[in-house]
Amino acid sequence: MRAIGCITILALAGLVLPGGARAEDQRGIIMANTCHSCHGTDGRSVGAMPSIAGKSSDYIVETLRKFRDGKKPSTVMARIAKGFSDDEIVALAKHFAQQ
């Protein structure tokens, strides 16, 4: 039980996660799970929504910030992006850029 507590603390501190992944990497993966209903699995859309997999991290950061800050018109994305901090936007961008 004590080891589990230590691993949890280290994971929260961003030091270690199962498989050697860092917490900030996992954060993007976890948040990206909410994007799949519109943008497809791993950001590869098969419908009318744009695919975001493989887009540059800079492009994704810039676009999400524009949605969040009301500088890019949208129907849904502005509402979604308002909930993201800059760190969360960077984590999402990093994840989708690596797809």
PDB file of N, CA and C in Angstrom:
ATOM      1  N   MET A   1       0.828  -1.187   0.000  1.00  0.00           N
ATOM      2  CA  MET A   1       0.000   0.000   0.000  1.00  0.00           C
ATOM      3  C   MET A   1       0.871   1.249   0.000  1.00  0.00           C
ATOM      4  N   ARG A   2       1.951   1.204   0.754  1.00  0.00           N
ATOM      5  CA  ARG A   2       2.854   2.349   0.830  1.00  0.00           C
ATOM      6  C   ARG A   2       3.492   2.645  -0.528  1.00  0.00           C
ATOM      7  N   ALA A   3       3.862   1.612  -1.279  1.00  0.00           N
ATOM      8  CA  ALA A   3       4.473   1.795  -2.594  1.00  0.00           C
ATOM      9  C   ALA A   3       3.500   2.445  -3.565  1.00  0.00           C
ATOM     10  N   ILE A   4       2.239   2.057  -3.485  1.00  0.00           N
ATOM     11  CA  ILE A   4       1.228   2.646  -4.354  1.00  0.00           C
ATOM     12  C   ILE A   4       1.104   4.138  -4.071  1.00  0.00           C
ATOM     13  N   GLY A   5       1.129   4.514  -2.805  1.00  0.00           N
ATOM     14  CA  GLY A   5       1.057   5.930  -2.437  1.00  0.00           C
ATOM     15  C   GLY A   5       2.236   6.711  -2.987  1.00  0.00           C
ATOM     16  N   CYS A   6       3.431   6.133  -2.922  1.00  0.00           N
ATOM     17  CA  CYS A   6       4.625   6.804  -3.445  1.00  0.00           C
ATOM     18  C   CYS A   6       4.557   6.955  -4.956  1.00  0.00           C
ATOM     19  N   ILE A   7       4.099   5.928  -5.641  1.00  0.00           N
ATOM     20  CA  ILE A   7       3.967   6.006  -7.094  1.00  0.00           C
ATOM     21  C   ILE A   7       2.946   7.068  -7.468  1.00  0.00           C
ATOM     22  N   THR A   8       1.850   7.142  -6.742  1.00  0.00           N
ATOM     23  CA  THR A   8       0.834   8.157  -7.006  1.00  0.00           C
ATOM     24  C   THR A   8       1.400   9.553  -6.843  1.00  0.00           C
ATOM     25  N   ILE A   9       2.145   9.772  -5.779  1.00  0.00           N
ATOM     26  CA  ILE A   9       2.749  11.084  -5.536  1.00  0.00           C
ATOM     27  C   ILE A   9       3.742  11.425  -6.632  1.00  0.00           C
ATOM     28  N   LEU A  10       4.576  10.472  -7.031  1.00  0.00           N
ATOM     29  CA  LEU A  10       5.536  10.716  -8.099  1.00  0.00           C
ATOM     30  C   LEU A  10       4.834  10.997  -9.421  1.00  0.00           C
ATOM     31  N   ALA A  11       3.760  10.270  -9.698  1.00  0.00           N
ATOM     32  CA  ALA A  11       3.015  10.494 -10.936  1.00  0.00           C
ATOM     33  C   ALA A  11       2.404  11.882 -10.944  1.00  0.00           C
ATOM     34  N   LEU A  12       1.826  12.294  -9.840  1.00  0.00           N
ATOM     35  CA  LEU A  12       1.235  13.620  -9.757  1.00  0.00           C
ATOM     36  C   LEU A  12       2.289  14.707  -9.888  1.00  0.00           C
ATOM     37  N   ALA A  13       3.482  14.421  -9.445  1.00  0.00           N
ATOM     38  CA  ALA A  13       4.573  15.387  -9.550  1.00  0.00           C
ATOM     39  C   ALA A  13       5.180  15.397 -10.956  1.00  0.00           C
ATOM     40  N   GLY A  14       4.717  14.487 -11.809  1.00  0.00           N
ATOM     41  CA  GLY A  14       5.219  14.448 -13.181  1.00  0.00           C
ATOM     42  C   GLY A  14       6.529  13.709 -13.320  1.00  0.00           C
ATOM     43  N   LEU A  15       6.830  12.876 -12.365  1.00  0.00           N
ATOM     44  CA  LEU A  15       8.122  12.212 -12.387  1.00  0.00           C
ATOM     45  C   LEU A  15       8.093  10.832 -13.018  1.00  0.00           C
ATOM     46  N   VAL A  16       7.034  10.075 -12.792  1.00  0.00           N
ATOM     47  CA  VAL A  16       7.023   8.707 -13.305  1.00  0.00           C
ATOM     48  C   VAL A  16       5.586   8.218 -13.462  1.00  0.00           C
ATOM     49  N   LEU A  17       5.367   7.443 -14.502  1.00  0.00           N
ATOM     50  CA  LEU A  17       4.099   6.755 -14.715  1.00  0.00           C
ATOM     51  C   LEU A  17       4.421   5.391 -15.287  1.00  0.00           C
ATOM     52  N   PRO A  18       3.484   4.455 -15.209  1.00  0.00           N
ATOM     53  CA  PRO A  18       3.726   3.145 -15.794  1.00  0.00           C
ATOM     54  C   PRO A  18       4.152   3.275 -17.251  1.00  0.00           C
ATOM     55  N   GLY A  19       5.087   2.452 -17.662  1.00  0.00           N
ATOM     56  CA  GLY A  19       5.570   2.474 -19.034  1.00  0.00           C
ATOM     57  C   GLY A  19       6.578   3.578 -19.294  1.00  0.00           C
ATOM     58  N   GLY A  20       6.996   4.297 -18.253  1.00  0.00           N
ATOM     59  CA  GLY A  20       7.993   5.331 -18.408  1.00  0.00           C
ATOM     60  C   GLY A  20       7.448   6.663 -18.893  1.00  0.00           C
ATOM     61  N   ALA A  21       6.134   6.772 -19.082  1.00  0.00           N
ATOM     62  CA  ALA A  21       5.556   8.033 -19.558  1.00  0.00           C
ATOM     63  C   ALA A  21       5.529   9.045 -18.423  1.00  0.00           C
ATOM     64  N   ARG A  22       5.692  10.301 -18.793  1.00  0.00           N
ATOM     65  CA  ARG A  22       5.630  11.380 -17.811  1.00  0.00           C
ATOM     66  C   ARG A  22       4.191  11.842 -17.676  1.00  0.00           C
ATOM     67  N   ALA A  23       3.865  12.446 -16.551  1.00  0.00           N
ATOM     68  CA  ALA A  23       2.504  12.893 -16.280  1.00  0.00           C
ATOM     69  C   ALA A  23       2.021  13.880 -17.326  1.00  0.00           C
ATOM     70  N   GLU A  24       2.879  14.795 -17.776  1.00  0.00           N
ATOM     71  CA  GLU A  24       2.409  15.782 -18.759  1.00  0.00           C
ATOM     72  C   GLU A  24       2.060  15.119 -20.085  1.00  0.00           C
ATOM     73  N   ASP A  25       2.732  14.018 -20.434  1.00  0.00           N
ATOM     74  CA  ASP A  25       2.386  13.281 -21.645  1.00  0.00           C
ATOM     75  C   ASP A  25       1.026  12.605 -21.483  1.00  0.00           C
ATOM     76  N   GLN A  26       0.799  12.009 -20.339  1.00  0.00           N
ATOM     77  CA  GLN A  26      -0.465  11.339 -20.064  1.00  0.00           C
ATOM     78  C   GLN A  26      -1.621  12.336 -20.042  1.00  0.00           C
ATOM     79  N   ARG A  27      -1.371  13.526 -19.581  1.00  0.00           N
ATOM     80  CA  ARG A  27      -2.407  14.549 -19.503  1.00  0.00           C
ATOM     81  C   ARG A  27      -3.000  14.821 -20.882  1.00  0.00           C
ATOM     82  N   GLY A  28      -2.150  14.976 -21.883  1.00  0.00           N
ATOM     83  CA  GLY A  28      -2.622  15.196 -23.248  1.00  0.00           C
ATOM     84  C   GLY A  28      -3.415  14.021 -23.779  1.00  0.00           C
ATOM     85  N   ILE A  29      -2.957  12.823 -23.468  1.00  0.00           N
ATOM     86  CA  ILE A  29      -3.648  11.608 -23.909  1.00  0.00           C
ATOM     87  C   ILE A  29      -5.031  11.536 -23.276  1.00  0.00           C
ATOM     88  N   ILE A  30      -5.108  11.790 -21.996  1.00  0.00           N
ATOM     89  CA  ILE A  30      -6.381  11.719 -21.278  1.00  0.00           C
ATOM     90  C   ILE A  30      -7.350  12.768 -21.814  1.00  0.00           C
ATOM     91  N   MET A  31      -6.885  13.995 -21.979  1.00  0.00           N
ATOM     92  CA  MET A  31      -7.763  15.047 -22.484  1.00  0.00           C
ATOM     93  C   MET A  31      -8.168  14.789 -23.925  1.00  0.00           C
ATOM     94  N   ALA A  32      -7.304  14.197 -24.724  1.00  0.00           N
ATOM     95  CA  ALA A  32      -7.598  13.928 -26.131  1.00  0.00           C
ATOM     96  C   ALA A  32      -8.746  12.933 -26.292  1.00  0.00           C
ATOM     97  N   ASN A  33      -8.996  12.138 -25.282  1.00  0.00           N
ATOM     98  CA  ASN A  33     -10.100  11.181 -25.354  1.00  0.00           C
ATOM     99  C   ASN A  33     -11.442  11.875 -25.540  1.00  0.00           C
ATOM    100  N   THR A  34     -11.548  13.120 -25.139  1.00  0.00           N
ATOM    101  CA  THR A  34     -12.805  13.847 -25.305  1.00  0.00           C
ATOM    102  C   THR A  34     -12.961  14.399 -26.717  1.00  0.00           C
ATOM    103  N   CYS A  35     -11.915  14.387 -27.520  1.00  0.00           N
ATOM    104  CA  CYS A  35     -11.939  14.956 -28.871  1.00  0.00           C
ATOM    105  C   CYS A  35     -12.399  13.945 -29.919  1.00  0.00           C
ATOM    106  N   HIS A  36     -12.350  12.665 -29.579  1.00  0.00           N
ATOM    107  CA  HIS A  36     -12.576  11.623 -30.583  1.00  0.00           C
ATOM    108  C   HIS A  36     -13.986  11.617 -31.166  1.00  0.00           C
ATOM    109  N   SER A  37     -14.985  12.072 -30.405  1.00  0.00           N
ATOM    110  CA  SER A  37     -16.346  11.998 -30.932  1.00  0.00           C
ATOM    111  C   SER A  37     -16.541  12.894 -32.159  1.00  0.00           C
ATOM    112  N   CYS A  38     -15.793  13.971 -32.249  1.00  0.00           N
ATOM    113  CA  CYS A  38     -15.891  14.853 -33.428  1.00  0.00           C
ATOM    114  C   CYS A  38     -14.723  14.681 -34.393  1.00  0.00           C
ATOM    115  N   HIS A  39     -13.520  14.535 -33.848  1.00  0.00           N
ATOM    116  CA  HIS A  39     -12.314  14.534 -34.685  1.00  0.00           C
ATOM    117  C   HIS A  39     -11.769  13.143 -34.971  1.00  0.00           C
ATOM    118  N   GLY A  40     -12.448  12.107 -34.513  1.00  0.00           N
ATOM    119  CA  GLY A  40     -12.042  10.738 -34.797  1.00  0.00           C
ATOM    120  C   GLY A  40     -10.974  10.217 -33.856  1.00  0.00           C
ATOM    121  N   THR A  41     -10.803   8.920 -33.888  1.00  0.00           N
ATOM    122  CA  THR A  41      -9.811   8.266 -33.049  1.00  0.00           C
ATOM    123  C   THR A  41      -8.435   8.831 -33.353  1.00  0.00           C
ATOM    124  N   ASP A  42      -7.731   9.238 -32.333  1.00  0.00           N
ATOM    125  CA  ASP A  42      -6.393   9.823 -32.450  1.00  0.00           C
ATOM    126  C   ASP A  42      -6.363  11.049 -33.358  1.00  0.00           C
ATOM    127  N   GLY A  43      -7.531  11.707 -33.513  1.00  0.00           N
ATOM    128  CA  GLY A  43      -7.588  12.929 -34.306  1.00  0.00           C
ATOM    129  C   GLY A  43      -7.707  12.710 -35.799  1.00  0.00           C
ATOM    130  N   ARG A  44      -8.012  11.470 -36.205  1.00  0.00           N
ATOM    131  CA  ARG A  44      -8.148  11.139 -37.633  1.00  0.00           C
ATOM    132  C   ARG A  44      -9.629  11.055 -37.983  1.00  0.00           C
ATOM    133  N   SER A  45     -10.174  12.165 -38.417  1.00  0.00           N
ATOM    134  CA  SER A  45     -11.598  12.255 -38.715  1.00  0.00           C
ATOM    135  C   SER A  45     -11.943  11.504 -39.997  1.00  0.00           C
ATOM    136  N   VAL A  46     -13.095  10.864 -39.994  1.00  0.00           N
ATOM    137  CA  VAL A  46     -13.593  10.206 -41.203  1.00  0.00           C
ATOM    138  C   VAL A  46     -14.841  10.921 -41.715  1.00  0.00           C
ATOM    139  N   GLY A  47     -15.201  12.011 -41.066  1.00  0.00           N
ATOM    140  CA  GLY A  47     -16.400  12.737 -41.450  1.00  0.00           C
ATOM    141  C   GLY A  47     -16.093  14.169 -41.848  1.00  0.00           C
ATOM    142  N   ALA A  48     -17.043  15.031 -41.580  1.00  0.00           N
ATOM    143  CA  ALA A  48     -16.937  16.433 -41.990  1.00  0.00           C
ATOM    144  C   ALA A  48     -15.986  17.249 -41.115  1.00  0.00           C
ATOM    145  N   MET A  49     -15.745  16.808 -39.901  1.00  0.00           N
ATOM    146  CA  MET A  49     -14.842  17.544 -39.014  1.00  0.00           C
ATOM    147  C   MET A  49     -13.408  17.386 -39.494  1.00  0.00           C
ATOM    148  N   PRO A  50     -12.598  18.412 -39.292  1.00  0.00           N
ATOM    149  CA  PRO A  50     -11.200  18.300 -39.742  1.00  0.00           C
ATOM    150  C   PRO A  50     -10.400  17.308 -38.902  1.00  0.00           C
ATOM    151  N   SER A  51      -9.501  16.622 -39.572  1.00  0.00           N
ATOM    152  CA  SER A  51      -8.545  15.770 -38.856  1.00  0.00           C
ATOM    153  C   SER A  51      -7.514  16.686 -38.212  1.00  0.00           C
ATOM    154  N   ILE A  52      -7.112  16.343 -37.002  1.00  0.00           N
ATOM    155  CA  ILE A  52      -6.104  17.139 -36.308  1.00  0.00           C
ATOM    156  C   ILE A  52      -4.833  16.343 -36.047  1.00  0.00           C
ATOM    157  N   ALA A  53      -4.863  15.064 -36.351  1.00  0.00           N
ATOM    158  CA  ALA A  53      -3.674  14.220 -36.175  1.00  0.00           C
ATOM    159  C   ALA A  53      -2.569  14.696 -37.103  1.00  0.00           C
ATOM    160  N   GLY A  54      -1.379  14.841 -36.553  1.00  0.00           N
ATOM    161  CA  GLY A  54      -0.222  15.192 -37.349  1.00  0.00           C
ATOM    162  C   GLY A  54      -0.080  16.668 -37.679  1.00  0.00           C
ATOM    163  N   LYS A  55      -1.053  17.481 -37.273  1.00  0.00           N
ATOM    164  CA  LYS A  55      -0.902  18.930 -37.464  1.00  0.00           C
ATOM    165  C   LYS A  55       0.224  19.390 -36.550  1.00  0.00           C
ATOM    166  N   SER A  56       0.868  20.479 -36.906  1.00  0.00           N
ATOM    167  CA  SER A  56       1.974  20.941 -36.070  1.00  0.00           C
ATOM    168  C   SER A  56       1.450  21.398 -34.715  1.00  0.00           C
ATOM    169  N   SER A  57       2.273  21.210 -33.725  1.00  0.00           N
ATOM    170  CA  SER A  57       1.919  21.635 -32.374  1.00  0.00           C
ATOM    171  C   SER A  57       1.623  23.130 -32.337  1.00  0.00           C
ATOM    172  N   ASP A  58       2.425  23.913 -33.035  1.00  0.00           N
ATOM    173  CA  ASP A  58       2.208  25.370 -33.072  1.00  0.00           C
ATOM    174  C   ASP A  58       0.842  25.714 -33.653  1.00  0.00           C
ATOM    175  N   TYR A  59       0.463  25.024 -34.729  1.00  0.00           N
ATOM    176  CA  TYR A  59      -0.839  25.270 -35.357  1.00  0.00           C
ATOM    177  C   TYR A  59      -1.976  24.950 -34.389  1.00  0.00           C
ATOM    178  N   ILE A  60      -1.881  23.822 -33.711  1.00  0.00           N
ATOM    179  CA  ILE A  60      -2.941  23.409 -32.782  1.00  0.00           C
ATOM    180  C   ILE A  60      -3.034  24.375 -31.615  1.00  0.00           C
ATOM    181  N   VAL A  61      -1.890  24.768 -31.055  1.00  0.00           N
ATOM    182  CA  VAL A  61      -1.892  25.734 -29.945  1.00  0.00           C
ATOM    183  C   VAL A  61      -2.541  27.039 -30.386  1.00  0.00           C
ATOM    184  N   GLU A  62      -2.101  27.550 -31.523  1.00  0.00           N
ATOM    185  CA  GLU A  62      -2.629  28.830 -32.016  1.00  0.00           C
ATOM    186  C   GLU A  62      -4.140  28.753 -32.262  1.00  0.00           C
ATOM    187  N   THR A  63      -4.584  27.673 -32.873  1.00  0.00           N
ATOM    188  CA  THR A  63      -5.993  27.521 -33.192  1.00  0.00           C
ATOM    189  C   THR A  63      -6.841  27.384 -31.932  1.00  0.00           C
ATOM    190  N   LEU A  64      -6.404  26.556 -30.985  1.00  0.00           N
ATOM    191  CA  LEU A  64      -7.166  26.393 -29.750  1.00  0.00           C
ATOM    192  C   LEU A  64      -7.221  27.690 -28.952  1.00  0.00           C
ATOM    193  N   ARG A  65      -6.134  28.435 -28.923  1.00  0.00           N
ATOM    194  CA  ARG A  65      -6.139  29.723 -28.220  1.00  0.00           C
ATOM    195  C   ARG A  65      -7.091  30.707 -28.893  1.00  0.00           C
ATOM    196  N   LYS A  66      -7.122  30.709 -30.219  1.00  0.00           N
ATOM    197  CA  LYS A  66      -8.050  31.587 -30.936  1.00  0.00           C
ATOM    198  C   LYS A  66      -9.498  31.222 -30.627  1.00  0.00           C
ATOM    199  N   PHE A  67      -9.800  29.931 -30.600  1.00  0.00           N
ATOM    200  CA  PHE A  67     -11.150  29.502 -30.211  1.00  0.00           C
ATOM    201  C   PHE A  67     -11.461  29.975 -28.795  1.00  0.00           C
ATOM    202  N   ARG A  68     -10.543  29.692 -27.883  1.00  0.00           N
ATOM    203  CA  ARG A  68     -10.742  30.028 -26.472  1.00  0.00           C
ATOM    204  C   ARG A  68     -10.931  31.522 -26.263  1.00  0.00           C
ATOM    205  N   ASP A  69     -10.162  32.333 -26.985  1.00  0.00           N
ATOM    206  CA  ASP A  69     -10.175  33.779 -26.782  1.00  0.00           C
ATOM    207  C   ASP A  69     -11.214  34.496 -27.639  1.00  0.00           C
ATOM    208  N   GLY A  70     -12.038  33.721 -28.376  1.00  0.00           N
ATOM    209  CA  GLY A  70     -13.096  34.307 -29.187  1.00  0.00           C
ATOM    210  C   GLY A  70     -12.609  34.963 -30.465  1.00  0.00           C
ATOM    211  N   LYS A  71     -11.405  34.628 -30.908  1.00  0.00           N
ATOM    212  CA  LYS A  71     -10.839  35.230 -32.113  1.00  0.00           C
ATOM    213  C   LYS A  71     -11.060  34.385 -33.362  1.00  0.00           C
ATOM    214  N   LYS A  72     -11.601  33.190 -33.182  1.00  0.00           N
ATOM    215  CA  LYS A  72     -11.905  32.310 -34.313  1.00  0.00           C
ATOM    216  C   LYS A  72     -13.340  31.833 -34.129  1.00  0.00           C
ATOM    217  N   PRO A  73     -14.203  32.116 -35.104  1.00  0.00           N
ATOM    218  CA  PRO A  73     -15.604  31.720 -34.963  1.00  0.00           C
ATOM    219  C   PRO A  73     -15.775  30.206 -34.996  1.00  0.00           C
ATOM    220  N   SER A  74     -16.763  29.744 -34.260  1.00  0.00           N
ATOM    221  CA  SER A  74     -17.062  28.314 -34.221  1.00  0.00           C
ATOM    222  C   SER A  74     -18.459  28.114 -33.661  1.00  0.00           C
ATOM    223  N   THR A  75     -18.938  26.903 -33.789  1.00  0.00           N
ATOM    224  CA  THR A  75     -20.214  26.571 -33.173  1.00  0.00           C
ATOM    225  C   THR A  75     -20.013  25.928 -31.802  1.00  0.00           C
ATOM    226  N   VAL A  76     -19.018  25.059 -31.703  1.00  0.00           N
ATOM    227  CA  VAL A  76     -18.802  24.314 -30.463  1.00  0.00           C
ATOM    228  C   VAL A  76     -17.409  24.525 -29.876  1.00  0.00           C
ATOM    229  N   MET A  77     -16.396  24.630 -30.713  1.00  0.00           N
ATOM    230  CA  MET A  77     -15.016  24.655 -30.223  1.00  0.00           C
ATOM    231  C   MET A  77     -14.722  25.805 -29.268  1.00  0.00           C
ATOM    232  N   ALA A  78     -15.315  26.959 -29.471  1.00  0.00           N
ATOM    233  CA  ALA A  78     -15.064  28.077 -28.558  1.00  0.00           C
ATOM    234  C   ALA A  78     -15.527  27.719 -27.149  1.00  0.00           C
ATOM    235  N   ARG A  79     -16.650  27.048 -27.054  1.00  0.00           N
ATOM    236  CA  ARG A  79     -17.160  26.633 -25.732  1.00  0.00           C
ATOM    237  C   ARG A  79     -16.245  25.604 -25.085  1.00  0.00           C
ATOM    238  N   ILE A  80     -15.766  24.684 -25.884  1.00  0.00           N
ATOM    239  CA  ILE A  80     -14.875  23.644 -25.360  1.00  0.00           C
ATOM    240  C   ILE A  80     -13.539  24.250 -24.950  1.00  0.00           C
ATOM    241  N   ALA A  81     -12.955  25.059 -25.820  1.00  0.00           N
ATOM    242  CA  ALA A  81     -11.620  25.611 -25.580  1.00  0.00           C
ATOM    243  C   ALA A  81     -11.577  26.563 -24.394  1.00  0.00           C
ATOM    244  N   LYS A  82     -12.697  27.187 -24.054  1.00  0.00           N
ATOM    245  CA  LYS A  82     -12.729  28.092 -22.893  1.00  0.00           C
ATOM    246  C   LYS A  82     -12.327  27.374 -21.603  1.00  0.00           C
ATOM    247  N   GLY A  83     -12.495  26.067 -21.578  1.00  0.00           N
ATOM    248  CA  GLY A  83     -12.155  25.299 -20.387  1.00  0.00           C
ATOM    249  C   GLY A  83     -10.699  24.894 -20.294  1.00  0.00           C
ATOM    250  N   PHE A  84      -9.892  25.210 -21.304  1.00  0.00           N
ATOM    251  CA  PHE A  84      -8.498  24.773 -21.312  1.00  0.00           C
ATOM    252  C   PHE A  84      -7.554  25.878 -20.861  1.00  0.00           C
ATOM    253  N   SER A  85      -6.623  25.514 -19.994  1.00  0.00           N
ATOM    254  CA  SER A  85      -5.534  26.428 -19.631  1.00  0.00           C
ATOM    255  C   SER A  85      -4.487  26.367 -20.746  1.00  0.00           C
ATOM    256  N   ASP A  86      -3.527  27.284 -20.709  1.00  0.00           N
ATOM    257  CA  ASP A  86      -2.442  27.245 -21.689  1.00  0.00           C
ATOM    258  C   ASP A  86      -1.680  25.925 -21.612  1.00  0.00           C
ATOM    259  N   ASP A  87      -1.428  25.435 -20.407  1.00  0.00           N
ATOM    260  CA  ASP A  87      -0.708  24.166 -20.249  1.00  0.00           C
ATOM    261  C   ASP A  87      -1.492  23.000 -20.850  1.00  0.00           C
ATOM    262  N   GLU A  88      -2.803  23.007 -20.679  1.00  0.00           N
ATOM    263  CA  GLU A  88      -3.626  21.936 -21.237  1.00  0.00           C
ATOM    264  C   GLU A  88      -3.653  22.009 -22.759  1.00  0.00           C
ATOM    265  N   ILE A  89      -3.700  23.211 -23.308  1.00  0.00           N
ATOM    266  CA  ILE A  89      -3.660  23.373 -24.760  1.00  0.00           C
ATOM    267  C   ILE A  89      -2.343  22.836 -25.314  1.00  0.00           C
ATOM    268  N   VAL A  90      -1.249  23.134 -24.652  1.00  0.00           N
ATOM    269  CA  VAL A  90       0.062  22.634 -25.096  1.00  0.00           C
ATOM    270  C   VAL A  90       0.105  21.112 -25.016  1.00  0.00           C
ATOM    271  N   ALA A  91      -0.448  20.533 -23.958  1.00  0.00           N
ATOM    272  CA  ALA A  91      -0.463  19.070 -23.822  1.00  0.00           C
ATOM    273  C   ALA A  91      -1.279  18.425 -24.940  1.00  0.00           C
ATOM    274  N   LEU A  92      -2.433  18.996 -25.249  1.00  0.00           N
ATOM    275  CA  LEU A  92      -3.246  18.474 -26.353  1.00  0.00           C
ATOM    276  C   LEU A  92      -2.515  18.604 -27.681  1.00  0.00           C
ATOM    277  N   ALA A  93      -1.920  19.757 -27.911  1.00  0.00           N
ATOM    278  CA  ALA A  93      -1.200  20.001 -29.162  1.00  0.00           C
ATOM    279  C   ALA A  93      -0.057  19.010 -29.338  1.00  0.00           C
ATOM    280  N   LYS A  94       0.667  18.771 -28.275  1.00  0.00           N
ATOM    281  CA  LYS A  94       1.788  17.833 -28.326  1.00  0.00           C
ATOM    282  C   LYS A  94       1.281  16.427 -28.670  1.00  0.00           C
ATOM    283  N   HIS A  95       0.191  16.045 -28.040  1.00  0.00           N
ATOM    284  CA  HIS A  95      -0.367  14.710 -28.304  1.00  0.00           C
ATOM    285  C   HIS A  95      -0.780  14.553 -29.765  1.00  0.00           C
ATOM    286  N   PHE A  96      -1.584  15.489 -30.273  1.00  0.00           N
ATOM    287  CA  PHE A  96      -2.086  15.337 -31.639  1.00  0.00           C
ATOM    288  C   PHE A  96      -0.990  15.530 -32.682  1.00  0.00           C
ATOM    289  N   ALA A  97       0.004  16.329 -32.405  1.00  0.00           N
ATOM    290  CA  ALA A  97       1.114  16.502 -33.338  1.00  0.00           C
ATOM    291  C   ALA A  97       1.905  15.210 -33.497  1.00  0.00           C
ATOM    292  N   GLN A  98       1.903  14.375 -32.479  1.00  0.00           N
ATOM    293  CA  GLN A  98       2.652  13.111 -32.515  1.00  0.00           C
ATOM    294  C   GLN A  98       1.865  11.972 -33.153  1.00  0.00           C
ATOM    295  N   GLN A  99       0.625  12.204 -33.514  1.00  0.00           N
ATOM    296  CA  GLN A  99      -0.205  11.146 -34.097  1.00  0.00           C
ATOM    297  C   GLN A  99       0.100  10.960 -35.571  1.00  0.00           C
TER     298      GLN A  99
END
